[in-house]
Each structure stands twice: as structure tokens, then as C-alpha cells.
C-alpha atoms as a PDB file:
ATOM      1  CA  MET A   1      97.126  42.379  37.671  1.00  0.00           C
ATOM      2  CA  PRO A   2      98.913  43.461  34.462  1.00  0.00           C
ATOM      3  CA  ALA A   3     102.356  45.001  34.802  1.00  0.00           C
ATOM      4  CA  PRO A   4     102.577  48.665  33.854  1.00  0.00           C
ATOM      5  CA  THR A   5     105.367  49.136  31.325  1.00  0.00           C
ATOM      6  CA  ASN A   6     105.667  52.812  30.356  1.00  0.00           C
ATOM      7  CA  GLY A   7     109.261  53.755  31.256  1.00  0.00           C
ATOM      8  CA  LEU A   8     109.735  51.026  33.852  1.00  0.00           C
ATOM      9  CA  ILE A   9     113.220  49.721  34.547  1.00  0.00           C
ATOM     10  CA  LEU A  10     112.248  46.968  37.006  1.00  0.00           C
ATOM     11  CA  TYR A  11     108.925  45.492  38.178  1.00  0.00           C
ATOM     12  CA  TRP A  12     108.703  42.538  40.546  1.00  0.00           C
ATOM     13  CA  ASP A  13     105.150  41.537  41.465  1.00  0.00           C
ATOM     14  CA  MET A  14     106.414  39.048  44.098  1.00  0.00           C
ATOM     15  CA  GLU A  15     104.368  36.296  42.417  1.00  0.00           C
ATOM     16  CA  THR A  16     106.166  35.683  39.124  1.00  0.00           C
ATOM     17  CA  LEU A  17     108.908  33.211  39.976  1.00  0.00           C
ATOM     18  CA  SER A  18     111.100  30.854  38.003  1.00  0.00           C
ATOM     19  CA  GLY A  19     112.723  28.511  40.479  1.00  0.00           C
ATOM     20  CA  SER A  20     114.449  30.838  42.954  1.00  0.00           C
ATOM     21  CA  ASN A  21     114.379  33.836  40.606  1.00  0.00           C
ATOM     22  CA  MET A  22     112.057  36.818  40.900  1.00  0.00           C
ATOM     23  CA  MET A  23     111.079  37.582  37.313  1.00  0.00           C
ATOM     24  CA  ASP A  24     111.139  41.193  36.100  1.00  0.00           C
ATOM     25  CA  ARG A  25     107.838  41.997  34.381  1.00  0.00           C
ATOM     26  CA  SER A  26     108.998  45.376  33.010  1.00  0.00           C
ATOM     27  CA  GLY A  27     110.485  43.742  29.926  1.00  0.00           C
ATOM     28  CA  THR A  28     114.033  44.918  30.684  1.00  0.00           C
ATOM     29  CA  GLY A  29     115.275  41.577  32.048  1.00  0.00           C
ATOM     30  CA  ASN A  30     116.287  42.739  35.537  1.00  0.00           C
ATOM     31  CA  HIS A  31     115.437  39.408  37.139  1.00  0.00           C
ATOM     32  CA  GLY A  32     116.510  38.881  40.731  1.00  0.00           C
ATOM     33  CA  ALA A  33     117.894  35.884  42.598  1.00  0.00           C
ATOM     34  CA  ILE A  34     116.005  35.242  45.837  1.00  0.00           C
ATOM     35  CA  THR A  35     118.295  34.580  48.800  1.00  0.00           C
ATOM     36  CA  GLY A  36     117.186  33.344  52.205  1.00  0.00           C
ATOM     37  CA  SER A  37     113.811  31.871  51.158  1.00  0.00           C
ATOM     38  CA  PRO A  38     111.392  34.680  52.091  1.00  0.00           C
ATOM     39  CA  PRO A  39     108.005  32.986  52.509  1.00  0.00           C
ATOM     40  CA  SER A  40     104.940  33.771  50.406  1.00  0.00           C
ATOM     41  CA  THR A  41     102.089  35.442  52.210  1.00  0.00           C
ATOM     42  CA  VAL A  42      98.711  36.899  51.272  1.00  0.00           C
ATOM     43  CA  GLY A  43      99.112  40.469  49.987  1.00  0.00           C
ATOM     44  CA  LYS A  44      96.641  43.285  49.363  1.00  0.00           C
ATOM     45  CA  VAL A  45      96.379  41.997  45.771  1.00  0.00           C
ATOM     46  CA  GLY A  46      97.530  38.426  45.154  1.00  0.00           C
ATOM     47  CA  LEU A  47     100.619  37.107  46.900  1.00  0.00           C
ATOM     48  CA  ALA A  48     103.467  38.935  48.632  1.00  0.00           C
ATOM     49  CA  ARG A  49     106.868  37.981  50.044  1.00  0.00           C
ATOM     50  CA  SER A  50     107.733  38.407  53.712  1.00  0.00           C
ATOM     51  CA  PHE A  51     111.114  40.129  54.093  1.00  0.00           C
ATOM     52  CA  ASN A  52     111.149  40.429  57.868  1.00  0.00           C
ATOM     53  CA  GLY A  53     114.638  41.867  58.357  1.00  0.00           C
ATOM     54  CA  SER A  54     116.343  38.521  58.876  1.00  0.00           C
ATOM     55  CA  ALA A  55     119.989  38.585  57.830  1.00  0.00           C
ATOM     56  CA  GLY A  56     120.486  37.005  54.435  1.00  0.00           C
ATOM     57  CA  THR A  57     116.916  37.458  53.152  1.00  0.00           C
ATOM     58  CA  TYR A  58     116.910  39.598  50.017  1.00  0.00           C
ATOM     59  CA  VAL A  59     116.610  39.666  46.223  1.00  0.00           C
ATOM     60  CA  ARG A  60     119.858  40.241  44.300  1.00  0.00           C
ATOM     61  CA  VAL A  61     119.984  41.704  40.783  1.00  0.00           C
ATOM     62  CA  ALA A  62     122.823  40.508  38.553  1.00  0.00           C
ATOM     63  CA  THR A  63     123.482  43.958  37.075  1.00  0.00           C
ATOM     64  CA  GLU A  64     123.544  47.456  38.515  1.00  0.00           C
ATOM     65  CA  ASP A  65     122.867  49.067  35.131  1.00  0.00           C
ATOM     66  CA  PHE A  66     119.238  49.712  36.060  1.00  0.00           C
ATOM     67  CA  LEU A  67     120.447  52.112  38.772  1.00  0.00           C
ATOM     68  CA  SER A  68     121.664  54.457  36.016  1.00  0.00           C
ATOM     69  CA  PRO A  69     118.457  55.257  34.128  1.00  0.00           C
ATOM     70  CA  PRO A  70     118.660  57.155  30.831  1.00  0.00           C
ATOM     71  CA  SER A  71     117.126  60.289  32.375  1.00  0.00           C
ATOM     72  CA  THR A  72     117.867  62.188  35.568  1.00  0.00           C
ATOM     73  CA  THR A  73     114.478  61.338  37.082  1.00  0.00           C
ATOM     74  CA  LEU A  74     114.071  58.112  39.064  1.00  0.00           C
ATOM     75  CA  THR A  75     111.152  57.007  41.216  1.00  0.00           C
ATOM     76  CA  LEU A  76     111.291  53.962  43.517  1.00  0.00           C
ATOM     77  CA  CYS A  77     108.133  52.433  44.918  1.00  0.00           C
ATOM     78  CA  ALA A  78     107.648  49.499  47.291  1.00  0.00           C
ATOM     79  CA  TRP A  79     104.847  48.433  49.597  1.00  0.00           C
END
């Protein structure tokens, strides 16, 4: 599935990996470091990652700059 790009700050599809890094497909370079080895699982479309609430299982972004978007409107979406 192609990544939408209009105005995106971060887009992880949970499939695009480079080693232990979740690659940002928005084009802004907000790649994330996977911690805790969340397993791959079958998603609604393609693969997904299983973050089951275990301590130490998360994706860390190296910069917080993406939390300050250029406009006052910000939408977060996860499923």
C-alpha cells in the first residue's frame, strides 16, 4: 500500500524495517528504533507489530521536533 504524503510528519507502516529501525515513509526522516522486539503478526493489510503492553516494548524516535508541527492542527492515527 503506498504511503500517503500530503502534510504527513511521520508514517510507519510496521513493515518497512532496516535492521531494528522502523522506517518513516512520510519522507521527513522520523525513523524509529524498535526496542523490546515486538513480533510481526498478520494485520488487516500486510503485516503488523504486536505491542502487547509488555514493559520495554516500544518504538523510539531520535528527535521530538515532529511533535511541534508548523501549524496548530495535529491529527494522530493508529490502529
